[in-house]
Amino acid sequence: MAAITHEDVADAIRSTFETEIEIAETVYVQYDNEPDKFTDSLLAQGGGVWIEHSILWGESIKVENPGTWRHVGVMQCKIYSEVDKGTAAGLAMYEKIKDAFRKTTVDGVTFTTPSLTQVGRSGKWWVLIADTPFHANDVTTG
């Protein structure tokens, strides 16, 4: 297996999320590597739900094969739904994320089972957090 970089891993995660969630579900997603572009019209297209997507990097660890490194992290999705609509739309979006990423491998990035944290209300939003752990082998670590 050829070595892949952190950038390769992040690109695989973001492009898969874009295809499987942002485009397929017509929901606004704010990625951690781009400027804020949130508008009310973008919110309307997502049925009152939007997502803040981040990649939280963990630590690289050496695994059993000589010269093989594993990089771990979490794909974190903060799911915001309008408070006057309750949590149903946010929970439905979590289920879609879970179904798209649970125990899948994309471009050398393996995802495990997502977990859900219900944060509660923040201003005019209900907030849920979907954390999906991932790992990739042979990541070049500078």
C-alpha atoms as a PDB file:
ATOM      1  CA  MET A   1       0.000   0.000   0.000  1.00  0.00           C
ATOM      2  CA  ALA A   2       1.383   3.385  -0.922  1.00  0.00           C
ATOM      3  CA  ALA A   3       1.765   6.081   1.697  1.00  0.00           C
ATOM      4  CA  ILE A   4      -0.918   8.736   1.794  1.00  0.00           C
ATOM      5  CA  THR A   5      -0.671  12.184   3.333  1.00  0.00           C
ATOM      6  CA  HIS A   6      -2.894  13.953   5.839  1.00  0.00           C
ATOM      7  CA  GLU A   7      -4.162  16.026   2.923  1.00  0.00           C
ATOM      8  CA  ASP A   8      -5.126  12.853   1.015  1.00  0.00           C
ATOM      9  CA  VAL A   9      -7.041  11.590   4.050  1.00  0.00           C
ATOM     10  CA  ALA A  10      -8.840  14.925   4.546  1.00  0.00           C
ATOM     11  CA  ASP A  11      -9.709  15.139   0.833  1.00  0.00           C
ATOM     12  CA  ALA A  12     -11.172  11.617   0.892  1.00  0.00           C
ATOM     13  CA  ILE A  13     -13.274  12.434   3.962  1.00  0.00           C
ATOM     14  CA  ARG A  14     -14.558  15.776   2.670  1.00  0.00           C
ATOM     15  CA  SER A  15     -15.298  14.597  -0.879  1.00  0.00           C
ATOM     16  CA  THR A  16     -17.183  11.545   0.407  1.00  0.00           C
ATOM     17  CA  PHE A  17     -19.178  13.706   2.829  1.00  0.00           C
ATOM     18  CA  GLU A  18     -19.955  16.150   0.038  1.00  0.00           C
ATOM     19  CA  THR A  19     -21.279  13.365  -2.214  1.00  0.00           C
ATOM     20  CA  GLU A  20     -23.072  11.232   0.374  1.00  0.00           C
ATOM     21  CA  ILE A  21     -24.550  13.974   2.564  1.00  0.00           C
ATOM     22  CA  GLU A  22     -24.264  17.552   1.253  1.00  0.00           C
ATOM     23  CA  ILE A  23     -25.352  16.811  -2.324  1.00  0.00           C
ATOM     24  CA  ALA A  24     -27.519  13.736  -1.729  1.00  0.00           C
ATOM     25  CA  GLU A  25     -29.460  15.364   1.125  1.00  0.00           C
ATOM     26  CA  THR A  26     -29.346  18.946  -0.198  1.00  0.00           C
ATOM     27  CA  VAL A  27     -28.054  20.294   3.099  1.00  0.00           C
ATOM     28  CA  TYR A  28     -25.721  23.223   3.744  1.00  0.00           C
ATOM     29  CA  VAL A  29     -22.332  22.138   5.124  1.00  0.00           C
ATOM     30  CA  GLN A  30     -19.700  24.483   6.550  1.00  0.00           C
ATOM     31  CA  TYR A  31     -16.327  22.745   6.170  1.00  0.00           C
ATOM     32  CA  ASP A  32     -13.420  23.522   8.478  1.00  0.00           C
ATOM     33  CA  ASN A  33     -11.121  24.423   5.573  1.00  0.00           C
ATOM     34  CA  GLU A  34     -13.256  27.098   3.912  1.00  0.00           C
ATOM     35  CA  PRO A  35     -14.636  30.554   4.727  1.00  0.00           C
ATOM     36  CA  ASP A  36     -18.130  30.873   6.166  1.00  0.00           C
ATOM     37  CA  LYS A  37     -20.754  31.183   3.443  1.00  0.00           C
ATOM     38  CA  PHE A  38     -23.900  30.634   5.519  1.00  0.00           C
ATOM     39  CA  THR A  39     -27.066  32.401   4.353  1.00  0.00           C
ATOM     40  CA  ASP A  40     -30.748  32.016   5.163  1.00  0.00           C
ATOM     41  CA  SER A  41     -31.444  30.768   1.625  1.00  0.00           C
ATOM     42  CA  LEU A  42     -28.895  27.953   2.097  1.00  0.00           C
ATOM     43  CA  LEU A  43     -30.635  27.043   5.351  1.00  0.00           C
ATOM     44  CA  ALA A  44     -33.999  26.907   3.583  1.00  0.00           C
ATOM     45  CA  GLN A  45     -32.717  24.385   1.023  1.00  0.00           C
ATOM     46  CA  GLY A  46     -31.689  22.039   3.839  1.00  0.00           C
ATOM     47  CA  GLY A  47     -35.105  22.007   5.487  1.00  0.00           C
ATOM     48  CA  GLY A  48     -33.930  23.984   8.519  1.00  0.00           C
ATOM     49  CA  VAL A  49     -30.819  21.832   9.111  1.00  0.00           C
ATOM     50  CA  TRP A  50     -27.180  22.654   8.519  1.00  0.00           C
ATOM     51  CA  ILE A  51     -23.905  20.970   9.440  1.00  0.00           C
ATOM     52  CA  GLU A  52     -20.537  22.197  10.666  1.00  0.00           C
ATOM     53  CA  HIS A  53     -17.992  19.585   9.460  1.00  0.00           C
ATOM     54  CA  SER A  54     -14.535  19.238  11.065  1.00  0.00           C
ATOM     55  CA  ILE A  55     -11.684  16.758  10.950  1.00  0.00           C
ATOM     56  CA  LEU A  56     -10.094  16.307  14.362  1.00  0.00           C
ATOM     57  CA  TRP A  57      -6.675  14.691  13.987  1.00  0.00           C
ATOM     58  CA  GLY A  58      -5.366  12.210  16.498  1.00  0.00           C
ATOM     59  CA  GLU A  59      -1.898  10.849  16.990  1.00  0.00           C
ATOM     60  CA  SER A  60       0.075   8.748  14.498  1.00  0.00           C
ATOM     61  CA  ILE A  61       0.998   5.359  15.901  1.00  0.00           C
ATOM     62  CA  LYS A  62       3.283   2.631  14.615  1.00  0.00           C
ATOM     63  CA  VAL A  63       1.397  -0.595  13.891  1.00  0.00           C
ATOM     64  CA  GLU A  64       2.549  -4.206  13.695  1.00  0.00           C
ATOM     65  CA  ASN A  65       4.061  -4.099  10.185  1.00  0.00           C
ATOM     66  CA  PRO A  66       7.565  -2.565  10.028  1.00  0.00           C
ATOM     67  CA  GLY A  67       7.410   0.926   8.577  1.00  0.00           C
ATOM     68  CA  THR A  68       3.622   1.115   8.784  1.00  0.00           C
ATOM     69  CA  TRP A  69       2.030   4.032  10.563  1.00  0.00           C
ATOM     70  CA  ARG A  70      -1.627   4.482  11.399  1.00  0.00           C
ATOM     71  CA  HIS A  71      -3.163   7.898  11.725  1.00  0.00           C
ATOM     72  CA  VAL A  72      -6.386   8.197  13.670  1.00  0.00           C
ATOM     73  CA  GLY A  73      -8.935  10.929  14.039  1.00  0.00           C
ATOM     74  CA  VAL A  74     -12.591  11.825  14.227  1.00  0.00           C
ATOM     75  CA  MET A  75     -14.868  13.278  11.589  1.00  0.00           C
ATOM     76  CA  GLN A  76     -17.052  15.569  13.680  1.00  0.00           C
ATOM     77  CA  CYS A  77     -20.385  16.862  12.418  1.00  0.00           C
ATOM     78  CA  LYS A  78     -22.258  19.414  14.480  1.00  0.00           C
ATOM     79  CA  ILE A  79     -25.834  19.152  13.265  1.00  0.00           C
ATOM     80  CA  TYR A  80     -27.950  22.263  13.778  1.00  0.00           C
ATOM     81  CA  SER A  81     -31.728  22.194  13.435  1.00  0.00           C
ATOM     82  CA  GLU A  82     -34.147  25.037  13.989  1.00  0.00           C
ATOM     83  CA  VAL A  83     -35.386  25.027  17.574  1.00  0.00           C
ATOM     84  CA  ASP A  84     -39.039  25.540  16.610  1.00  0.00           C
ATOM     85  CA  LYS A  85     -38.928  22.311  14.558  1.00  0.00           C
ATOM     86  CA  GLY A  86     -37.534  20.146  17.375  1.00  0.00           C
ATOM     87  CA  THR A  87     -34.792  17.535  17.110  1.00  0.00           C
ATOM     88  CA  ALA A  88     -36.425  15.193  14.583  1.00  0.00           C
ATOM     89  CA  ALA A  89     -34.734  16.737  11.537  1.00  0.00           C
ATOM     90  CA  GLY A  90     -31.328  16.683  13.250  1.00  0.00           C
ATOM     91  CA  LEU A  91     -31.767  13.073  14.353  1.00  0.00           C
ATOM     92  CA  ALA A  92     -32.808  12.085  10.826  1.00  0.00           C
ATOM     93  CA  MET A  93     -29.629  13.716   9.474  1.00  0.00           C
ATOM     94  CA  TYR A  94     -27.541  11.822  12.048  1.00  0.00           C
ATOM     95  CA  GLU A  95     -29.064   8.557  10.800  1.00  0.00           C
ATOM     96  CA  LYS A  96     -28.090   9.455   7.228  1.00  0.00           C
ATOM     97  CA  ILE A  97     -24.497  10.210   8.301  1.00  0.00           C
ATOM     98  CA  LYS A  98     -24.373   6.978  10.306  1.00  0.00           C
ATOM     99  CA  ASP A  99     -25.670   4.930   7.369  1.00  0.00           C
ATOM    100  CA  ALA A 100     -23.233   6.531   4.916  1.00  0.00           C
ATOM    101  CA  PHE A 101     -20.071   6.112   7.010  1.00  0.00           C
ATOM    102  CA  ARG A 102     -20.539   3.220   9.468  1.00  0.00           C
ATOM    103  CA  LYS A 103     -17.878   0.543   8.894  1.00  0.00           C
ATOM    104  CA  THR A 104     -16.902   1.740   5.410  1.00  0.00           C
ATOM    105  CA  THR A 105     -13.543   2.324   3.741  1.00  0.00           C
ATOM    106  CA  VAL A 106     -13.045   5.076   1.169  1.00  0.00           C
ATOM    107  CA  ASP A 107      -9.718   5.783  -0.559  1.00  0.00           C
ATOM    108  CA  GLY A 108      -7.776   4.061   2.224  1.00  0.00           C
ATOM    109  CA  VAL A 109      -9.696   5.751   5.061  1.00  0.00           C
ATOM    110  CA  THR A 110     -11.616   3.342   7.293  1.00  0.00           C
ATOM    111  CA  PHE A 111     -14.542   4.656   9.343  1.00  0.00           C
ATOM    112  CA  THR A 112     -15.977   2.952  12.409  1.00  0.00           C
ATOM    113  CA  THR A 113     -19.367   3.370  14.082  1.00  0.00           C
ATOM    114  CA  PRO A 114     -20.473   6.974  14.718  1.00  0.00           C
ATOM    115  CA  SER A 115     -21.665   8.131  18.120  1.00  0.00           C
ATOM    116  CA  LEU A 116     -24.239  10.791  18.926  1.00  0.00           C
ATOM    117  CA  THR A 117     -24.102  13.477  21.606  1.00  0.00           C
ATOM    118  CA  GLN A 118     -27.174  15.623  22.159  1.00  0.00           C
ATOM    119  CA  VAL A 119     -25.797  19.005  23.192  1.00  0.00           C
ATOM    120  CA  GLY A 120     -29.130  20.763  23.546  1.00  0.00           C
ATOM    121  CA  ARG A 121     -30.199  24.265  22.654  1.00  0.00           C
ATOM    122  CA  SER A 122     -27.830  26.988  21.472  1.00  0.00           C
ATOM    123  CA  GLY A 123     -29.667  30.180  20.602  1.00  0.00           C
ATOM    124  CA  LYS A 124     -32.190  29.361  17.878  1.00  0.00           C
ATOM    125  CA  TRP A 125     -30.689  25.906  17.212  1.00  0.00           C
ATOM    126  CA  TRP A 126     -30.864  22.378  18.603  1.00  0.00           C
ATOM    127  CA  VAL A 127     -27.358  20.945  18.396  1.00  0.00           C
ATOM    128  CA  LEU A 128     -26.367  17.300  17.959  1.00  0.00           C
ATOM    129  CA  ILE A 129     -22.813  16.061  17.458  1.00  0.00           C
ATOM    130  CA  ALA A 130     -22.021  13.024  15.340  1.00  0.00           C
ATOM    131  CA  ASP A 131     -18.466  11.776  15.930  1.00  0.00           C
ATOM    132  CA  THR A 132     -17.206   9.181  13.454  1.00  0.00           C
ATOM    133  CA  PRO A 133     -13.759   7.736  14.244  1.00  0.00           C
ATOM    134  CA  PHE A 134     -11.474   6.959  11.293  1.00  0.00           C
ATOM    135  CA  HIS A 135      -8.007   5.629  10.602  1.00  0.00           C
ATOM    136  CA  ALA A 136      -5.691   5.349   7.613  1.00  0.00           C
ATOM    137  CA  ASN A 137      -2.524   3.273   7.327  1.00  0.00           C
ATOM    138  CA  ASP A 138       0.803   4.355   5.839  1.00  0.00           C
ATOM    139  CA  VAL A 139       0.181   8.047   6.400  1.00  0.00           C
ATOM    140  CA  THR A 140       3.281  10.163   5.850  1.00  0.00           C
ATOM    141  CA  THR A 141       3.856  12.185   9.017  1.00  0.00           C
ATOM    142  CA  GLY A 142       6.297  14.853   7.976  1.00  0.00           C
END
